[in-house]
Amino acid sequence: MYFIHFFYLSTLLFIIGVGGVIFNRTNIVVVLMSLELALLSVSLNFIIFSVCLDDLTGQIFAIFILVIAACESSIGLAIILVFFRVRGSIRLDQASLLKS
């Protein structure tokens, strides 16, 4: 029953990731990193339950989540780079200026 410690760790990482997305509204890079942390904690949770239940399905889902997280981070960083080149800053509160 040592898996419960990993489950608590995964839950704590998910709460930190969601809290970073909700409470940080100034820096877009920190929001992206918090979103990645939440995705990786969900992936860890799938792996934990896959090992506990002796089933490979959770590990396959974890690989899919990692691929989606990698694609999301590369697209997000490209958008941040273009936003920085246009506006000169990556502050999230200035993102409403993109409408004009």
Protein backbone atom coordinates (compact mmCIF):
# COMPACT_ATOMS: atom_id res chain seq x y z
CA MET A 1 0.00 0.00 0.00
CA TYR A 2 2.89 2.37 -0.63
CA PHE A 3 1.05 3.64 -3.75
CA ILE A 4 -1.03 5.97 -1.61
CA HIS A 5 2.01 8.24 -1.12
CA PHE A 6 2.40 8.61 -4.87
CA PHE A 7 -1.30 9.35 -5.17
CA TYR A 8 -0.98 12.12 -2.57
CA LEU A 9 2.02 13.50 -4.45
CA SER A 10 0.09 13.47 -7.71
CA THR A 11 -2.86 15.22 -6.10
CA LEU A 12 -0.60 17.86 -4.55
CA LEU A 13 1.11 18.52 -7.90
CA PHE A 14 -2.27 18.85 -9.61
CA ILE A 15 -3.50 21.33 -7.00
CA ILE A 16 -0.30 23.38 -7.38
CA GLY A 17 -0.68 23.36 -11.18
CA VAL A 18 -4.33 24.43 -11.15
CA GLY A 19 -3.59 27.03 -8.48
CA GLY A 20 -0.81 28.44 -10.65
CA VAL A 21 -3.19 28.78 -13.59
CA ILE A 22 -5.95 30.37 -11.49
CA PHE A 23 -3.93 32.70 -9.27
CA ASN A 24 -1.22 33.87 -11.67
CA ARG A 25 -2.67 36.24 -14.21
CA THR A 26 0.44 38.26 -15.02
CA ASN A 27 3.06 36.02 -16.61
CA ILE A 28 2.02 33.77 -19.46
CA VAL A 29 5.09 31.51 -19.13
CA VAL A 30 4.20 30.65 -15.53
CA VAL A 31 0.64 29.85 -16.60
CA LEU A 32 1.98 27.53 -19.31
CA MET A 33 4.32 25.83 -16.83
CA SER A 34 1.48 25.39 -14.34
CA LEU A 35 -0.66 23.81 -17.04
CA GLU A 36 2.18 21.42 -17.88
CA LEU A 37 2.53 20.52 -14.19
CA ALA A 38 -1.16 19.69 -14.01
CA LEU A 39 -0.93 17.49 -17.13
CA LEU A 40 2.12 15.67 -15.79
CA SER A 41 0.41 15.03 -12.46
CA VAL A 42 -2.56 13.49 -14.27
CA SER A 43 -0.11 11.34 -16.22
CA LEU A 44 1.54 10.25 -12.97
CA ASN A 45 -1.88 9.40 -11.59
CA PHE A 46 -2.63 7.18 -14.60
CA ILE A 47 0.69 5.38 -14.12
CA ILE A 48 0.04 4.84 -10.41
CA PHE A 49 -3.36 3.30 -11.01
CA SER A 50 -1.97 1.26 -13.90
CA VAL A 51 0.62 -0.30 -11.62
CA CYS A 52 -1.90 -0.81 -8.82
CA LEU A 53 -4.41 -2.54 -11.07
CA ASP A 54 -1.76 -4.41 -13.10
CA ASP A 55 -3.09 -3.07 -16.40
CA LEU A 56 -1.23 -1.39 -19.25
CA THR A 57 -4.08 0.89 -20.27
CA GLY A 58 -3.10 3.62 -17.83
CA GLN A 59 0.46 3.65 -19.11
CA ILE A 60 -0.75 3.99 -22.69
CA PHE A 61 -2.94 6.93 -21.66
CA ALA A 62 0.08 8.44 -19.89
CA ILE A 63 2.09 8.28 -23.11
CA PHE A 64 -0.76 9.99 -24.98
CA ILE A 65 -0.91 12.72 -22.33
CA LEU A 66 2.84 13.29 -22.59
CA VAL A 67 2.62 13.62 -26.39
CA ILE A 68 -0.26 16.09 -26.11
CA ALA A 69 1.61 18.06 -23.43
CA ALA A 70 4.69 18.29 -25.65
CA CYS A 71 2.63 19.53 -28.60
CA GLU A 72 0.78 22.01 -26.40
CA SER A 73 3.98 23.42 -24.94
CA SER A 74 5.66 23.84 -28.34
CA ILE A 75 2.62 25.61 -29.80
CA GLY A 76 2.26 27.71 -26.65
CA LEU A 77 5.90 28.79 -26.74
CA ALA A 78 5.57 29.72 -30.42
CA ILE A 79 2.53 31.86 -29.63
CA ILE A 80 4.40 33.48 -26.73
CA LEU A 81 7.34 34.26 -29.02
CA VAL A 82 5.10 35.93 -31.61
CA PHE A 83 3.27 37.84 -28.85
CA PHE A 84 6.60 39.07 -27.48
CA ARG A 85 7.77 40.19 -30.92
CA VAL A 86 4.56 42.12 -31.55
CA ARG A 87 4.01 43.68 -28.09
CA GLY A 88 7.46 43.63 -26.48
CA SER A 89 6.12 42.02 -23.30
CA ILE A 90 4.64 38.68 -22.27
CA ARG A 91 2.31 39.97 -19.57
CA LEU A 92 -1.02 38.20 -19.63
CA ASP A 93 -3.02 41.28 -18.71
CA GLN A 94 -1.92 42.89 -21.99
CA ALA A 95 -3.37 40.01 -24.04
CA SER A 96 -6.62 41.94 -24.53
CA LEU A 97 -4.67 44.24 -26.83
CA LEU A 98 -4.68 41.49 -29.45
CA LYS A 99 -8.31 42.29 -30.27
CA SER A 100 -7.42 45.65 -31.80
